[in-house]
N, C-alpha and C. Protein backbone atom coordinates (compact mmCIF):
# COMPACT_ATOMS: atom_id res chain seq x y z
N UNK A 1 9.38 -9.58 -11.68
CA UNK A 1 9.06 -9.53 -10.24
C UNK A 1 7.56 -9.61 -10.07
N UNK A 2 7.13 -10.50 -9.20
CA UNK A 2 5.71 -10.58 -8.85
C UNK A 2 5.54 -10.04 -7.44
N UNK A 3 4.40 -9.38 -7.22
CA UNK A 3 4.15 -8.71 -5.95
C UNK A 3 2.88 -9.25 -5.31
N UNK A 4 2.96 -9.57 -4.04
CA UNK A 4 1.81 -10.13 -3.32
C UNK A 4 1.54 -9.32 -2.08
N UNK A 5 0.38 -8.69 -2.04
CA UNK A 5 -0.03 -7.90 -0.89
C UNK A 5 -0.78 -8.76 0.11
N UNK A 6 -0.61 -8.44 1.39
CA UNK A 6 -1.31 -9.16 2.45
C UNK A 6 -1.49 -8.24 3.64
N UNK A 7 -2.29 -8.69 4.61
CA UNK A 7 -2.46 -7.95 5.85
C UNK A 7 -3.78 -7.22 5.99
N UNK A 8 -4.61 -7.29 4.97
CA UNK A 8 -5.91 -6.63 5.06
C UNK A 8 -6.85 -7.35 6.02
N UNK A 9 -8.00 -6.74 6.23
CA UNK A 9 -8.99 -7.33 7.11
C UNK A 9 -10.07 -6.35 7.45
N UNK A 10 -10.88 -6.74 8.42
CA UNK A 10 -11.99 -5.90 8.90
C UNK A 10 -11.55 -5.22 10.19
N UNK A 11 -11.71 -3.91 10.23
CA UNK A 11 -11.30 -3.15 11.41
C UNK A 11 -12.32 -2.03 11.65
N UNK A 12 -12.49 -1.66 12.90
CA UNK A 12 -13.39 -0.55 13.21
C UNK A 12 -12.71 0.78 12.93
N UNK A 13 -13.51 1.78 12.69
CA UNK A 13 -12.97 3.12 12.49
C UNK A 13 -12.09 3.51 13.68
N UNK A 14 -10.96 4.12 13.36
CA UNK A 14 -10.01 4.48 14.39
C UNK A 14 -8.94 3.43 14.63
N UNK A 15 -9.13 2.26 14.07
CA UNK A 15 -8.18 1.17 14.25
C UNK A 15 -6.99 1.25 13.31
N UNK A 16 -6.15 0.22 13.38
CA UNK A 16 -4.92 0.20 12.59
C UNK A 16 -4.75 -1.15 11.90
N UNK A 17 -4.04 -1.10 10.80
CA UNK A 17 -3.63 -2.30 10.08
C UNK A 17 -2.25 -2.06 9.49
N UNK A 18 -1.51 -3.13 9.30
CA UNK A 18 -0.22 -3.03 8.62
C UNK A 18 -0.24 -3.97 7.42
N UNK A 19 -0.12 -3.41 6.25
CA UNK A 19 -0.08 -4.19 5.03
C UNK A 19 1.37 -4.50 4.66
N UNK A 20 1.56 -5.68 4.09
CA UNK A 20 2.88 -6.08 3.60
C UNK A 20 2.80 -6.43 2.13
N UNK A 21 3.88 -6.20 1.43
CA UNK A 21 3.97 -6.53 0.01
C UNK A 21 5.27 -7.29 -0.20
N UNK A 22 5.15 -8.56 -0.50
CA UNK A 22 6.33 -9.40 -0.71
C UNK A 22 6.61 -9.53 -2.20
N UNK A 23 7.84 -9.24 -2.57
CA UNK A 23 8.25 -9.35 -3.97
C UNK A 23 8.97 -10.67 -4.20
N UNK A 24 8.75 -11.25 -5.38
CA UNK A 24 9.38 -12.53 -5.69
C UNK A 24 10.86 -12.37 -6.07
N UNK A 25 11.26 -11.13 -6.32
CA UNK A 25 12.65 -10.85 -6.64
C UNK A 25 13.13 -9.60 -5.94
N UNK A 26 14.31 -9.18 -6.28
CA UNK A 26 14.89 -8.02 -5.61
C UNK A 26 14.19 -6.73 -6.01
N UNK A 27 13.94 -5.89 -5.01
CA UNK A 27 13.37 -4.57 -5.27
C UNK A 27 14.40 -3.47 -5.10
N UNK A 28 15.61 -3.85 -4.76
CA UNK A 28 16.64 -2.84 -4.46
C UNK A 28 16.89 -1.91 -5.64
N UNK A 29 16.79 -2.44 -6.84
CA UNK A 29 17.07 -1.64 -8.03
C UNK A 29 15.85 -0.90 -8.54
N UNK A 30 14.71 -1.13 -7.92
CA UNK A 30 13.47 -0.45 -8.34
C UNK A 30 13.42 0.89 -7.63
N UNK A 31 13.39 1.97 -8.39
CA UNK A 31 13.47 3.30 -7.79
C UNK A 31 12.31 3.57 -6.85
N UNK A 32 11.09 3.39 -7.32
CA UNK A 32 9.95 3.74 -6.50
C UNK A 32 8.96 2.59 -6.41
N UNK A 33 8.57 2.29 -5.19
CA UNK A 33 7.50 1.33 -4.92
C UNK A 33 6.32 2.10 -4.36
N UNK A 34 5.14 1.56 -4.55
CA UNK A 34 3.95 2.31 -4.15
C UNK A 34 2.83 1.39 -3.71
N UNK A 35 1.92 1.99 -2.95
CA UNK A 35 0.66 1.35 -2.61
C UNK A 35 -0.45 2.12 -3.34
N UNK A 36 -1.36 1.35 -3.91
CA UNK A 36 -2.52 1.90 -4.58
C UNK A 36 -3.76 1.29 -3.92
N UNK A 37 -4.92 1.88 -4.17
CA UNK A 37 -6.15 1.28 -3.68
C UNK A 37 -7.27 1.54 -4.66
N UNK A 38 -8.25 0.64 -4.62
CA UNK A 38 -9.44 0.81 -5.45
C UNK A 38 -10.67 0.50 -4.62
N UNK A 39 -11.48 1.53 -4.41
CA UNK A 39 -12.72 1.38 -3.67
C UNK A 39 -13.82 0.93 -4.63
N UNK A 40 -14.87 0.32 -4.10
CA UNK A 40 -15.96 -0.14 -4.96
C UNK A 40 -16.53 1.01 -5.81
N UNK A 41 -16.61 0.78 -7.12
CA UNK A 41 -17.18 1.77 -8.01
C UNK A 41 -16.29 2.95 -8.32
N UNK A 42 -15.04 2.91 -7.87
CA UNK A 42 -14.12 4.02 -8.10
C UNK A 42 -12.88 3.55 -8.84
N UNK A 43 -12.16 4.52 -9.39
CA UNK A 43 -10.91 4.19 -10.07
C UNK A 43 -9.79 3.93 -9.07
N UNK A 44 -8.82 3.18 -9.50
CA UNK A 44 -7.66 2.93 -8.66
C UNK A 44 -6.90 4.23 -8.47
N UNK A 45 -6.41 4.45 -7.23
CA UNK A 45 -5.67 5.68 -6.95
C UNK A 45 -4.38 5.36 -6.21
N UNK A 46 -3.42 6.25 -6.39
CA UNK A 46 -2.13 6.13 -5.71
C UNK A 46 -2.27 6.61 -4.27
N UNK A 47 -1.88 5.79 -3.34
CA UNK A 47 -2.00 6.13 -1.92
C UNK A 47 -0.68 6.67 -1.37
N UNK A 48 0.40 5.99 -1.66
CA UNK A 48 1.71 6.39 -1.14
C UNK A 48 2.80 5.78 -2.00
N UNK A 49 3.93 6.47 -2.06
CA UNK A 49 5.06 5.91 -2.78
C UNK A 49 6.35 6.22 -2.02
N UNK A 50 7.36 5.39 -2.27
CA UNK A 50 8.64 5.55 -1.60
C UNK A 50 9.76 5.24 -2.60
N UNK A 51 10.76 6.10 -2.61
CA UNK A 51 11.89 5.89 -3.52
C UNK A 51 12.93 4.97 -2.87
N UNK A 52 13.93 4.63 -3.63
CA UNK A 52 14.97 3.73 -3.13
C UNK A 52 15.78 4.36 -2.00
N UNK A 53 15.75 5.70 -1.90
CA UNK A 53 16.49 6.35 -0.82
C UNK A 53 15.57 6.82 0.29
N UNK A 54 14.31 6.39 0.21
CA UNK A 54 13.41 6.63 1.32
C UNK A 54 12.55 7.88 1.25
N UNK A 55 12.60 8.59 0.15
CA UNK A 55 11.70 9.74 0.02
C UNK A 55 10.28 9.24 -0.18
N UNK A 56 9.35 9.89 0.50
CA UNK A 56 7.96 9.43 0.46
C UNK A 56 7.01 10.52 -0.01
N UNK A 57 5.86 10.07 -0.49
CA UNK A 57 4.82 10.98 -0.93
C UNK A 57 3.48 10.31 -0.67
N UNK A 58 2.48 11.11 -0.21
CA UNK A 58 1.19 10.53 0.18
C UNK A 58 0.02 11.26 -0.45
N UNK A 59 -1.04 10.50 -0.63
CA UNK A 59 -2.34 11.07 -0.98
C UNK A 59 -2.74 12.01 0.16
N UNK A 60 -3.29 13.16 -0.18
CA UNK A 60 -3.63 14.14 0.86
C UNK A 60 -4.50 13.55 1.96
N UNK A 61 -5.45 12.71 1.60
CA UNK A 61 -6.41 12.22 2.57
C UNK A 61 -5.81 11.22 3.57
N UNK A 62 -4.59 10.74 3.31
CA UNK A 62 -3.98 9.78 4.24
C UNK A 62 -2.76 10.35 4.95
N UNK A 63 -2.38 11.57 4.60
CA UNK A 63 -1.22 12.19 5.23
C UNK A 63 -1.41 12.25 6.74
N UNK A 64 -0.37 11.87 7.46
CA UNK A 64 -0.42 11.89 8.91
C UNK A 64 -1.03 10.64 9.52
N UNK A 65 -1.63 9.79 8.69
CA UNK A 65 -2.24 8.56 9.20
C UNK A 65 -1.54 7.30 8.67
N UNK A 66 -1.07 7.37 7.43
CA UNK A 66 -0.42 6.22 6.80
C UNK A 66 1.08 6.46 6.70
N UNK A 67 1.85 5.38 6.80
CA UNK A 67 3.29 5.45 6.64
C UNK A 67 3.76 4.31 5.75
N UNK A 68 4.44 4.65 4.67
CA UNK A 68 5.00 3.64 3.78
C UNK A 68 6.48 3.44 4.11
N UNK A 69 6.93 2.20 4.03
CA UNK A 69 8.34 1.91 4.26
C UNK A 69 8.74 0.73 3.38
N UNK A 70 10.03 0.53 3.24
CA UNK A 70 10.51 -0.59 2.44
C UNK A 70 11.75 -1.19 3.08
N UNK A 71 11.87 -2.51 2.95
CA UNK A 71 13.03 -3.23 3.44
C UNK A 71 13.61 -3.97 2.24
N UNK A 72 14.61 -3.39 1.62
CA UNK A 72 15.18 -3.97 0.41
C UNK A 72 15.81 -5.34 0.68
N UNK A 73 16.33 -5.52 1.87
CA UNK A 73 16.96 -6.80 2.20
C UNK A 73 15.93 -7.93 2.24
N UNK A 74 14.71 -7.58 2.60
CA UNK A 74 13.63 -8.58 2.66
C UNK A 74 12.73 -8.52 1.44
N UNK A 75 13.03 -7.61 0.52
CA UNK A 75 12.20 -7.45 -0.69
C UNK A 75 10.73 -7.23 -0.32
N UNK A 76 10.52 -6.37 0.64
CA UNK A 76 9.17 -6.15 1.17
C UNK A 76 8.90 -4.67 1.33
N UNK A 77 7.67 -4.29 1.01
CA UNK A 77 7.19 -2.93 1.22
C UNK A 77 6.02 -2.99 2.19
N UNK A 78 5.94 -2.01 3.08
CA UNK A 78 4.90 -2.00 4.11
C UNK A 78 4.05 -0.73 4.00
N UNK A 79 2.84 -0.84 4.51
CA UNK A 79 1.98 0.33 4.67
C UNK A 79 1.33 0.23 6.05
N UNK A 80 1.78 1.08 6.95
CA UNK A 80 1.17 1.17 8.28
C UNK A 80 0.02 2.15 8.19
N UNK A 81 -1.16 1.69 8.54
CA UNK A 81 -2.37 2.52 8.44
C UNK A 81 -2.97 2.70 9.82
N UNK A 82 -3.00 3.93 10.29
CA UNK A 82 -3.57 4.26 11.60
C UNK A 82 -4.78 5.16 11.43
N UNK A 83 -5.57 5.26 12.48
CA UNK A 83 -6.76 6.12 12.47
C UNK A 83 -7.60 5.88 11.23
N UNK A 84 -7.86 4.63 10.95
CA UNK A 84 -8.58 4.27 9.73
C UNK A 84 -10.01 4.82 9.74
N UNK A 85 -10.46 5.16 8.55
CA UNK A 85 -11.80 5.70 8.36
C UNK A 85 -12.57 4.82 7.37
N UNK A 86 -13.90 4.87 7.44
CA UNK A 86 -14.68 4.07 6.48
C UNK A 86 -14.31 4.37 5.02
N UNK A 87 -13.93 5.60 4.73
CA UNK A 87 -13.52 5.96 3.37
C UNK A 87 -12.23 5.27 2.92
N UNK A 88 -11.52 4.66 3.85
CA UNK A 88 -10.31 3.92 3.49
C UNK A 88 -10.62 2.51 2.99
N UNK A 89 -11.88 2.12 3.07
CA UNK A 89 -12.28 0.80 2.61
C UNK A 89 -11.99 0.65 1.12
N UNK A 90 -11.21 -0.39 0.79
CA UNK A 90 -10.79 -0.58 -0.60
C UNK A 90 -9.96 -1.86 -0.69
N UNK A 91 -9.68 -2.27 -1.91
CA UNK A 91 -8.67 -3.29 -2.14
C UNK A 91 -7.35 -2.56 -2.34
N UNK A 92 -6.36 -2.94 -1.58
CA UNK A 92 -5.05 -2.29 -1.62
C UNK A 92 -4.05 -3.16 -2.41
N UNK A 93 -3.32 -2.51 -3.27
CA UNK A 93 -2.33 -3.17 -4.11
C UNK A 93 -0.97 -2.51 -3.94
N UNK A 94 0.07 -3.30 -4.05
CA UNK A 94 1.39 -2.68 -4.16
C UNK A 94 1.90 -2.89 -5.58
N UNK A 95 2.73 -1.98 -6.00
CA UNK A 95 3.27 -2.06 -7.35
C UNK A 95 4.41 -1.06 -7.48
N UNK A 96 5.02 -1.06 -8.62
CA UNK A 96 6.08 -0.08 -8.89
C UNK A 96 5.44 1.25 -9.29
N UNK A 97 6.24 2.28 -9.31
CA UNK A 97 5.79 3.62 -9.70
C UNK A 97 6.88 4.25 -10.53
N UNK A 98 6.58 4.98 -11.64
CA UNK A 98 5.23 5.29 -12.12
C UNK A 98 4.63 4.25 -13.06
N UNK A 99 5.45 3.33 -13.55
CA UNK A 99 4.93 2.34 -14.50
C UNK A 99 4.69 1.03 -13.77
N UNK A 100 3.44 0.74 -13.43
CA UNK A 100 3.18 -0.48 -12.67
C UNK A 100 3.38 -1.75 -13.48
N UNK A 101 3.81 -2.79 -12.79
CA UNK A 101 3.91 -4.12 -13.37
C UNK A 101 2.52 -4.75 -13.41
N UNK A 102 2.45 -6.02 -13.74
CA UNK A 102 1.16 -6.71 -13.73
C UNK A 102 0.56 -6.64 -12.32
N UNK A 103 -0.73 -6.31 -12.26
CA UNK A 103 -1.38 -6.17 -10.96
C UNK A 103 -1.63 -7.52 -10.32
N UNK A 104 -1.36 -7.62 -9.01
CA UNK A 104 -1.68 -8.80 -8.25
C UNK A 104 -3.11 -8.75 -7.76
N UNK A 105 -3.47 -9.63 -6.84
CA UNK A 105 -4.85 -9.70 -6.36
C UNK A 105 -5.18 -8.62 -5.36
N UNK A 106 -4.21 -8.08 -4.70
CA UNK A 106 -4.46 -7.07 -3.69
C UNK A 106 -4.97 -7.67 -2.39
N UNK A 107 -5.16 -6.81 -1.41
CA UNK A 107 -5.67 -7.25 -0.12
C UNK A 107 -6.79 -6.31 0.30
N UNK A 108 -7.89 -6.87 0.75
CA UNK A 108 -9.09 -6.09 1.06
C UNK A 108 -9.02 -5.52 2.46
N UNK A 109 -9.23 -4.22 2.55
CA UNK A 109 -9.34 -3.53 3.82
C UNK A 109 -10.77 -3.00 3.96
N UNK A 110 -11.43 -3.40 5.03
CA UNK A 110 -12.78 -2.94 5.29
C UNK A 110 -12.81 -2.24 6.64
N UNK A 111 -13.24 -0.99 6.63
CA UNK A 111 -13.31 -0.20 7.86
C UNK A 111 -14.77 0.06 8.17
N UNK A 112 -15.20 -0.43 9.30
CA UNK A 112 -16.59 -0.25 9.70
C UNK A 112 -16.75 1.00 10.58
N UNK A 113 -17.90 1.62 10.48
CA UNK A 113 -18.15 2.85 11.25
C UNK A 113 -18.72 2.56 12.62
């Protein structure tokens, strides 16, 4: 399965973006899908994950602002990001959890102050 993230862009602080992750194959049998991010000069970190039955878990700094969801019929995972902050600026990637597949290019999110 190959994963392609999209939906990033430039947004002002307080704004919103919705990221999408399209899989080349079925994700229905994949227990957990996740969004990760890597800010300039920092290590990649787990932002949110969702199991096949919809249980979710979030990085503390995004709780209450980000929402992860998945549509197995469309083989797509989403990340709704609201109340964005400059600290959210990063390249965002989707992948499996806990053992990620080959990393795709990701999508750049830039939040201006």
